[in-house]
PDB file of N, CA and C in Angstrom:
ATOM      1  N   MET A   1     -15.169  11.270  22.495  1.00  0.00           N
ATOM      2  CA  MET A   1     -16.422  11.235  22.143  1.00  0.00           C
ATOM      3  C   MET A   1     -17.176  10.078  22.030  1.00  0.00           C
ATOM      4  N   ALA A   2     -18.479  10.188  22.545  1.00  0.00           N
ATOM      5  CA  ALA A   2     -19.300   9.210  22.189  1.00  0.00           C
ATOM      6  C   ALA A   2     -19.759   8.756  20.999  1.00  0.00           C
ATOM      7  N   THR A   3     -20.232   7.232  20.512  1.00  0.00           N
ATOM      8  CA  THR A   3     -20.748   7.216  19.287  1.00  0.00           C
ATOM      9  C   THR A   3     -21.941   6.492  19.529  1.00  0.00           C
ATOM     10  N   ILE A   4     -23.037   7.412  18.706  1.00  0.00           N
ATOM     11  CA  ILE A   4     -24.367   7.098  19.277  1.00  0.00           C
ATOM     12  C   ILE A   4     -25.029   6.037  18.202  1.00  0.00           C
ATOM     13  N   MET A   5     -25.326   4.890  19.104  1.00  0.00           N
ATOM     14  CA  MET A   5     -25.632   3.494  18.103  1.00  0.00           C
ATOM     15  C   MET A   5     -26.992   3.600  17.585  1.00  0.00           C
ATOM     16  N   LYS A   6     -27.565   3.691  16.430  1.00  0.00           N
ATOM     17  CA  LYS A   6     -29.005   3.374  16.041  1.00  0.00           C
ATOM     18  C   LYS A   6     -29.773   2.168  16.218  1.00  0.00           C
ATOM     19  N   GLN A   7     -30.401   1.820  16.673  1.00  0.00           N
ATOM     20  CA  GLN A   7     -31.265   0.710  17.104  1.00  0.00           C
ATOM     21  C   GLN A   7     -31.709   0.019  15.425  1.00  0.00           C
ATOM     22  N   PRO A   8     -31.375  -0.939  15.047  1.00  0.00           N
ATOM     23  CA  PRO A   8     -31.965  -1.814  13.811  1.00  0.00           C
ATOM     24  C   PRO A   8     -33.385  -1.781  13.604  1.00  0.00           C
ATOM     25  N   ARG A   9     -33.935  -1.786  11.990  1.00  0.00           N
ATOM     26  CA  ARG A   9     -35.020  -1.904  12.047  1.00  0.00           C
ATOM     27  C   ARG A   9     -35.581  -3.143  12.462  1.00  0.00           C
ATOM     28  N   GLU A  10     -37.304  -3.239  12.912  1.00  0.00           N
ATOM     29  CA  GLU A  10     -37.701  -4.521  12.874  1.00  0.00           C
ATOM     30  C   GLU A  10     -37.587  -5.078  11.870  1.00  0.00           C
ATOM     31  N   VAL A  11     -37.828  -6.503  11.847  1.00  0.00           N
ATOM     32  CA  VAL A  11     -37.602  -7.640  10.932  1.00  0.00           C
ATOM     33  C   VAL A  11     -38.821  -8.213  10.809  1.00  0.00           C
ATOM     34  N   HIS A  12     -39.772  -8.250   9.725  1.00  0.00           N
ATOM     35  CA  HIS A  12     -40.843  -8.822   9.571  1.00  0.00           C
ATOM     36  C   HIS A  12     -40.499 -10.077   8.555  1.00  0.00           C
ATOM     37  N   LEU A  13     -41.145 -11.413   8.768  1.00  0.00           N
ATOM     38  CA  LEU A  13     -40.846 -12.319   8.002  1.00  0.00           C
ATOM     39  C   LEU A  13     -42.144 -12.673   6.993  1.00  0.00           C
ATOM     40  N   THR A  14     -43.010 -12.416   7.900  1.00  0.00           N
ATOM     41  CA  THR A  14     -44.352 -12.119   6.678  1.00  0.00           C
ATOM     42  C   THR A  14     -44.783 -10.809   6.476  1.00  0.00           C
ATOM     43  N   GLU A  15     -45.244 -10.882   5.360  1.00  0.00           N
ATOM     44  CA  GLU A  15     -46.194  -9.458   4.927  1.00  0.00           C
ATOM     45  C   GLU A  15     -47.261  -9.496   5.628  1.00  0.00           C
ATOM     46  N   PRO A  16     -47.537  -7.829   6.338  1.00  0.00           N
ATOM     47  CA  PRO A  16     -48.747  -7.897   6.900  1.00  0.00           C
ATOM     48  C   PRO A  16     -50.008  -8.111   6.071  1.00  0.00           C
ATOM     49  N   ILE A  17     -51.263  -8.410   6.410  1.00  0.00           N
ATOM     50  CA  ILE A  17     -52.460  -8.998   5.944  1.00  0.00           C
ATOM     51  C   ILE A  17     -52.732  -7.867   4.734  1.00  0.00           C
ATOM     52  N   SER A  18     -53.063  -8.257   3.459  1.00  0.00           N
ATOM     53  CA  SER A  18     -53.459  -7.187   2.623  1.00  0.00           C
ATOM     54  C   SER A  18     -54.676  -6.948   2.668  1.00  0.00           C
ATOM     55  N   PRO A  19     -55.051  -5.862   2.254  1.00  0.00           N
ATOM     56  CA  PRO A  19     -56.417  -5.219   2.403  1.00  0.00           C
ATOM     57  C   PRO A  19     -57.309  -5.848   0.998  1.00  0.00           C
ATOM     58  N   ASN A  20     -58.381  -6.007   0.962  1.00  0.00           N
ATOM     59  CA  ASN A  20     -59.256  -6.417   0.096  1.00  0.00           C
ATOM     60  C   ASN A  20     -60.395  -5.312  -0.242  1.00  0.00           C
ATOM     61  N   PRO A  21     -59.859  -4.383  -1.332  1.00  0.00           N
ATOM     62  CA  PRO A  21     -60.733  -3.370  -1.505  1.00  0.00           C
ATOM     63  C   PRO A  21     -62.475  -3.708  -2.294  1.00  0.00           C
ATOM     64  N   TYR A  22     -63.080  -2.690  -2.143  1.00  0.00           N
ATOM     65  CA  TYR A  22     -64.456  -2.830  -2.804  1.00  0.00           C
ATOM     66  C   TYR A  22     -64.096  -2.373  -4.374  1.00  0.00           C
ATOM     67  N   PRO A  23     -64.653  -3.157  -5.414  1.00  0.00           N
ATOM     68  CA  PRO A  23     -64.178  -3.311  -6.787  1.00  0.00           C
ATOM     69  C   PRO A  23     -64.722  -1.582  -7.330  1.00  0.00           C
ATOM     70  N   GLY A  24     -63.678  -0.874  -8.045  1.00  0.00           N
ATOM     71  CA  GLY A  24     -64.487   0.371  -8.580  1.00  0.00           C
ATOM     72  C   GLY A  24     -64.282   1.151  -7.444  1.00  0.00           C
ATOM     73  N   CYS A  25     -64.116   1.182  -6.117  1.00  0.00           N
ATOM     74  CA  CYS A  25     -64.207   2.445  -5.154  1.00  0.00           C
ATOM     75  C   CYS A  25     -62.723   3.254  -4.875  1.00  0.00           C
ATOM     76  N   ASP A  26     -62.744   4.474  -5.490  1.00  0.00           N
ATOM     77  CA  ASP A  26     -61.605   5.374  -5.373  1.00  0.00           C
ATOM     78  C   ASP A  26     -60.901   5.248  -3.848  1.00  0.00           C
ATOM     79  N   VAL A  27     -61.977   5.669  -3.081  1.00  0.00           N
ATOM     80  CA  VAL A  27     -61.127   5.628  -1.651  1.00  0.00           C
ATOM     81  C   VAL A  27     -60.538   4.397  -1.259  1.00  0.00           C
ATOM     82  N   CYS A  28     -61.027   3.276  -1.347  1.00  0.00           N
ATOM     83  CA  CYS A  28     -60.400   1.783  -1.233  1.00  0.00           C
ATOM     84  C   CYS A  28     -58.974   1.581  -2.249  1.00  0.00           C
ATOM     85  N   ALA A  29     -59.213   2.111  -3.231  1.00  0.00           N
ATOM     86  CA  ALA A  29     -57.944   2.002  -4.263  1.00  0.00           C
ATOM     87  C   ALA A  29     -56.540   3.048  -3.784  1.00  0.00           C
ATOM     88  N   ALA A  30     -57.388   4.236  -3.051  1.00  0.00           N
ATOM     89  CA  ALA A  30     -56.188   5.186  -2.327  1.00  0.00           C
ATOM     90  C   ALA A  30     -55.834   4.690  -1.203  1.00  0.00           C
ATOM     91  N   LEU A  31     -56.390   3.931  -0.380  1.00  0.00           N
ATOM     92  CA  LEU A  31     -55.963   3.108   0.843  1.00  0.00           C
ATOM     93  C   LEU A  31     -55.098   2.307   0.477  1.00  0.00           C
ATOM     94  N   VAL A  32     -55.289   1.150  -0.369  1.00  0.00           N
ATOM     95  CA  VAL A  32     -54.345   0.640  -0.985  1.00  0.00           C
ATOM     96  C   VAL A  32     -53.017   1.043  -1.625  1.00  0.00           C
ATOM     97  N   ARG A  33     -52.868   2.169  -2.429  1.00  0.00           N
ATOM     98  CA  ARG A  33     -51.790   2.608  -2.702  1.00  0.00           C
ATOM     99  C   ARG A  33     -51.023   2.836  -1.425  1.00  0.00           C
ATOM    100  N   GLU A  34     -51.428   3.501  -0.112  1.00  0.00           N
ATOM    101  CA  GLU A  34     -50.872   3.882   0.937  1.00  0.00           C
ATOM    102  C   GLU A  34     -50.574   2.822   1.254  1.00  0.00           C
ATOM    103  N   TRP A  35     -51.118   1.549   1.570  1.00  0.00           N
ATOM    104  CA  TRP A  35     -50.621   0.224   1.925  1.00  0.00           C
ATOM    105  C   TRP A  35     -49.427  -0.272   1.157  1.00  0.00           C
ATOM    106  N   ILE A  36     -49.439   0.096   0.411  1.00  0.00           N
ATOM    107  CA  ILE A  36     -48.407  -0.659  -0.634  1.00  0.00           C
ATOM    108  C   ILE A  36     -47.125   0.014  -0.329  1.00  0.00           C
ATOM    109  N   ASP A  37     -47.306   1.499  -0.367  1.00  0.00           N
ATOM    110  CA  ASP A  37     -46.318   2.248  -0.119  1.00  0.00           C
ATOM    111  C   ASP A  37     -45.362   1.751   1.473  1.00  0.00           C
ATOM    112  N   ILE A  38     -46.341   1.724   2.277  1.00  0.00           N
ATOM    113  CA  ILE A  38     -45.645   1.623   4.059  1.00  0.00           C
ATOM    114  C   ILE A  38     -45.586  -0.156   4.176  1.00  0.00           C
ATOM    115  N   THR A  39     -45.660  -1.036   3.426  1.00  0.00           N
ATOM    116  CA  THR A  39     -45.520  -2.041   3.753  1.00  0.00           C
ATOM    117  C   THR A  39     -44.007  -2.724   2.788  1.00  0.00           C
ATOM    118  N   GLU A  40     -43.767  -1.681   1.799  1.00  0.00           N
ATOM    119  CA  GLU A  40     -42.126  -1.873   1.485  1.00  0.00           C
ATOM    120  C   GLU A  40     -41.011  -2.176   2.468  1.00  0.00           C
ATOM    121  N   PRO A  41     -40.569  -2.883   2.931  1.00  0.00           N
ATOM    122  CA  PRO A  41     -39.446  -2.624   3.568  1.00  0.00           C
ATOM    123  C   PRO A  41     -38.601  -1.914   3.610  1.00  0.00           C
ATOM    124  N   ALA A  42     -38.040  -1.287   2.425  1.00  0.00           N
ATOM    125  CA  ALA A  42     -37.118  -0.426   1.889  1.00  0.00           C
ATOM    126  C   ALA A  42     -37.646   1.066   2.038  1.00  0.00           C
ATOM    127  N   SER A  43     -38.834   1.132   2.102  1.00  0.00           N
ATOM    128  CA  SER A  43     -39.572   2.312   2.242  1.00  0.00           C
ATOM    129  C   SER A  43     -39.232   3.122   3.393  1.00  0.00           C
ATOM    130  N   PRO A  44     -38.705   4.492   3.313  1.00  0.00           N
ATOM    131  CA  PRO A  44     -38.871   5.035   4.318  1.00  0.00           C
ATOM    132  C   PRO A  44     -40.206   5.249   5.092  1.00  0.00           C
ATOM    133  N   LEU A  45     -41.197   4.904   4.525  1.00  0.00           N
ATOM    134  CA  LEU A  45     -42.388   4.952   5.287  1.00  0.00           C
ATOM    135  C   LEU A  45     -43.190   3.565   5.812  1.00  0.00           C
ATOM    136  N   PHE A  46     -42.083   2.997   6.104  1.00  0.00           N
ATOM    137  CA  PHE A  46     -42.366   1.309   6.448  1.00  0.00           C
ATOM    138  C   PHE A  46     -42.952   1.546   7.618  1.00  0.00           C
ATOM    139  N   ASP A  47     -44.219   1.085   7.880  1.00  0.00           N
ATOM    140  CA  ASP A  47     -44.684   1.183   9.291  1.00  0.00           C
ATOM    141  C   ASP A  47     -45.801   0.119   9.473  1.00  0.00           C
ATOM    142  N   VAL A  48     -45.479  -1.200   9.971  1.00  0.00           N
ATOM    143  CA  VAL A  48     -46.594  -2.230  10.123  1.00  0.00           C
ATOM    144  C   VAL A  48     -47.719  -1.966  10.605  1.00  0.00           C
ATOM    145  N   GLU A  49     -47.835  -0.974  11.940  1.00  0.00           N
ATOM    146  CA  GLU A  49     -48.998  -0.663  12.614  1.00  0.00           C
ATOM    147  C   GLU A  49     -49.652   0.087  11.681  1.00  0.00           C
ATOM    148  N   ARG A  50     -49.168   0.969  11.106  1.00  0.00           N
ATOM    149  CA  ARG A  50     -50.177   1.673  10.055  1.00  0.00           C
ATOM    150  C   ARG A  50     -50.521   0.703   8.909  1.00  0.00           C
ATOM    151  N   ALA A  51     -50.088  -0.170   8.370  1.00  0.00           N
ATOM    152  CA  ALA A  51     -50.485  -1.024   7.520  1.00  0.00           C
ATOM    153  C   ALA A  51     -51.611  -1.579   8.181  1.00  0.00           C
ATOM    154  N   HIS A  52     -51.765  -2.210   9.386  1.00  0.00           N
ATOM    155  CA  HIS A  52     -53.071  -2.936   9.707  1.00  0.00           C
ATOM    156  C   HIS A  52     -54.203  -2.101   9.888  1.00  0.00           C
ATOM    157  N   ARG A  53     -53.882  -0.562  10.258  1.00  0.00           N
ATOM    158  CA  ARG A  53     -54.929   0.225  10.529  1.00  0.00           C
ATOM    159  C   ARG A  53     -55.285   0.623   9.547  1.00  0.00           C
ATOM    160  N   ILE A  54     -54.518   0.526   8.230  1.00  0.00           N
ATOM    161  CA  ILE A  54     -55.310   0.644   6.932  1.00  0.00           C
ATOM    162  C   ILE A  54     -56.097  -0.308   6.540  1.00  0.00           C
ATOM    163  N   VAL A  55     -55.658  -1.756   6.624  1.00  0.00           N
ATOM    164  CA  VAL A  55     -56.384  -2.749   6.353  1.00  0.00           C
ATOM    165  C   VAL A  55     -57.907  -2.701   7.134  1.00  0.00           C
ATOM    166  N   ASP A  56     -57.741  -2.182   8.223  1.00  0.00           N
ATOM    167  CA  ASP A  56     -59.478  -2.083   9.161  1.00  0.00           C
ATOM    168  C   ASP A  56     -60.038  -1.266   8.136  1.00  0.00           C
ATOM    169  N   GLU A  57     -59.121   0.247   7.781  1.00  0.00           N
ATOM    170  CA  GLU A  57     -59.924   0.968   7.151  1.00  0.00           C
ATOM    171  C   GLU A  57     -60.902   0.786   5.793  1.00  0.00           C
ATOM    172  N   VAL A  58     -59.782   0.518   5.267  1.00  0.00           N
ATOM    173  CA  VAL A  58     -60.532  -0.646   3.932  1.00  0.00           C
ATOM    174  C   VAL A  58     -61.675  -1.490   4.234  1.00  0.00           C
ATOM    175  N   ARG A  59     -61.636  -2.389   5.459  1.00  0.00           N
ATOM    176  CA  ARG A  59     -62.795  -3.421   5.740  1.00  0.00           C
ATOM    177  C   ARG A  59     -63.741  -2.666   5.724  1.00  0.00           C
ATOM    178  N   ASP A  60     -63.520  -1.781   6.825  1.00  0.00           N
ATOM    179  CA  ASP A  60     -64.936  -0.672   7.271  1.00  0.00           C
ATOM    180  C   ASP A  60     -65.639   0.034   6.000  1.00  0.00           C
ATOM    181  N   HIS A  61     -64.678   0.503   5.108  1.00  0.00           N
ATOM    182  CA  HIS A  61     -65.099   1.342   3.874  1.00  0.00           C
ATOM    183  C   HIS A  61     -66.062   0.292   3.127  1.00  0.00           C
ATOM    184  N   ARG A  62     -65.382  -0.817   2.687  1.00  0.00           N
ATOM    185  CA  ARG A  62     -65.864  -1.671   1.935  1.00  0.00           C
ATOM    186  C   ARG A  62     -67.132  -2.292   2.607  1.00  0.00           C
ATOM    187  N   SER A  63     -67.574  -2.180   3.807  1.00  0.00           N
ATOM    188  CA  SER A  63     -68.870  -3.061   4.021  1.00  0.00           C
ATOM    189  C   SER A  63     -69.533  -1.653   4.130  1.00  0.00           C
ATOM    190  N   GLN A  64     -69.413  -0.238   4.130  1.00  0.00           N
ATOM    191  CA  GLN A  64     -70.056   1.026   3.729  1.00  0.00           C
ATOM    192  C   GLN A  64     -70.501   0.533   2.079  1.00  0.00           C
ATOM    193  N   ASP A  65     -69.716   0.242   1.361  1.00  0.00           N
ATOM    194  CA  ASP A  65     -70.039   0.371  -0.157  1.00  0.00           C
ATOM    195  C   ASP A  65     -70.687  -0.918  -0.160  1.00  0.00           C
ATOM    196  N   GLU A  66     -70.826  -2.162   0.474  1.00  0.00           N
ATOM    197  CA  GLU A  66     -71.579  -3.076  -0.164  1.00  0.00           C
ATOM    198  C   GLU A  66     -73.065  -2.762   0.769  1.00  0.00           C
ATOM    199  N   VAL A  67     -72.997  -2.531   1.675  1.00  0.00           N
ATOM    200  CA  VAL A  67     -74.443  -1.999   1.961  1.00  0.00           C
ATOM    201  C   VAL A  67     -75.014  -1.110   0.974  1.00  0.00           C
ATOM    202  N   ALA A  68     -74.358   0.029   0.507  1.00  0.00           N
ATOM    203  CA  ALA A  68     -74.877   0.668  -0.706  1.00  0.00           C
ATOM    204  C   ALA A  68     -75.323   0.240  -1.861  1.00  0.00           C
ATOM    205  N   ALA A  69     -74.856  -1.214  -2.252  1.00  0.00           N
ATOM    206  CA  ALA A  69     -74.424  -1.758  -3.397  1.00  0.00           C
ATOM    207  C   ALA A  69     -74.577  -3.232  -3.554  1.00  0.00           C
ATOM    208  N   PRO A  70     -75.333  -3.811  -2.939  1.00  0.00           N
ATOM    209  CA  PRO A  70     -75.124  -5.242  -2.333  1.00  0.00           C
ATOM    210  C   PRO A  70     -75.229  -6.018  -3.664  1.00  0.00           C
ATOM    211  N   ALA A  71     -75.386  -5.755  -4.480  1.00  0.00           N
ATOM    212  CA  ALA A  71     -75.310  -6.554  -5.923  1.00  0.00           C
ATOM    213  C   ALA A  71     -73.980  -6.986  -6.327  1.00  0.00           C
ATOM    214  N   LEU A  72     -72.998  -6.307  -5.985  1.00  0.00           N
ATOM    215  CA  LEU A  72     -71.732  -6.728  -6.112  1.00  0.00           C
ATOM    216  C   LEU A  72     -71.252  -7.551  -5.305  1.00  0.00           C
TER     217      LEU A  72
END
């Protein structure tokens, strides 16, 4: 009977770039909460690629918020 070996998880020595949400924006806040969940190495949701996509989403959404309310 053959034993199936699982590949070890990737090891990342640096934390993925963190998002910079727009203050008071619920959409940005929800994306940051998701980012926190998936950047925890012990989490079954751990996904570095998704973390980078979330940072991009927050950046894009923040840009839209800044256009709408440039005073902040």
